[in-house]
Amino acid sequence: MKNKVAFLALVFVCLLTPDFARATALPPAAQKVLDIKFKGWRLAEINKDILAFYKNKPHGDSLNSVKGDWNGDGEMDYAVLLQDSQKAEKKVVVLMKSASGYDSYVLEYADCIVSEKKGGKGFDHDTNKSFRYKNDAINAQIWEKSGTTYVWENKRFRGIITSD
């Protein structure tokens, strides 16, 4: 009986947290940047309501780590949603492939992140116009409030309010 209860508990935990099992694997050089610059931080936990919402929606990566070619240089870049183990503060950290390894950029707070693919359609709520992504982009969502998609322009990330 104890084994059945333990097994059922394990299955339940795995069903609630599928994104941790498939978090995007980072190359060693990218992981090293995180270990040095963001010591004490870890991949953020994703709220169960968010996990349930995305359960049957294809979104490619996990909801706390995504990959794409953010700047269109043909190299794979990464974004991770990190959480401070002390304060439970969250932030999105982007790791862009460079000649020296990976450069890091810190974006604003989010509850989850998803990647938008090059050529995909977006909607800018500030201009009230649709557009197409020139490169892959990072959609940082604040659950049930808003979403900002970060696109690479002029050697920096620019946020576009794409959901409200």
Foldseek 3Di string as FASTA:
>chain_A
DVVVVVVVVVVVVCLQQVQVVFADDDDPLQVVCCCPVVPQKDFAGADSVVCVVCVPPDQPHGFFKDWWQQQPPPDIKMKGWIAHPPPRFIWIWIWHQDPVRTDIDIDDGANTKTKDAAQDWFAFPVVRDIDGANTIWIWGHHPPPWIWIWGDDPNDTDTGTGGD
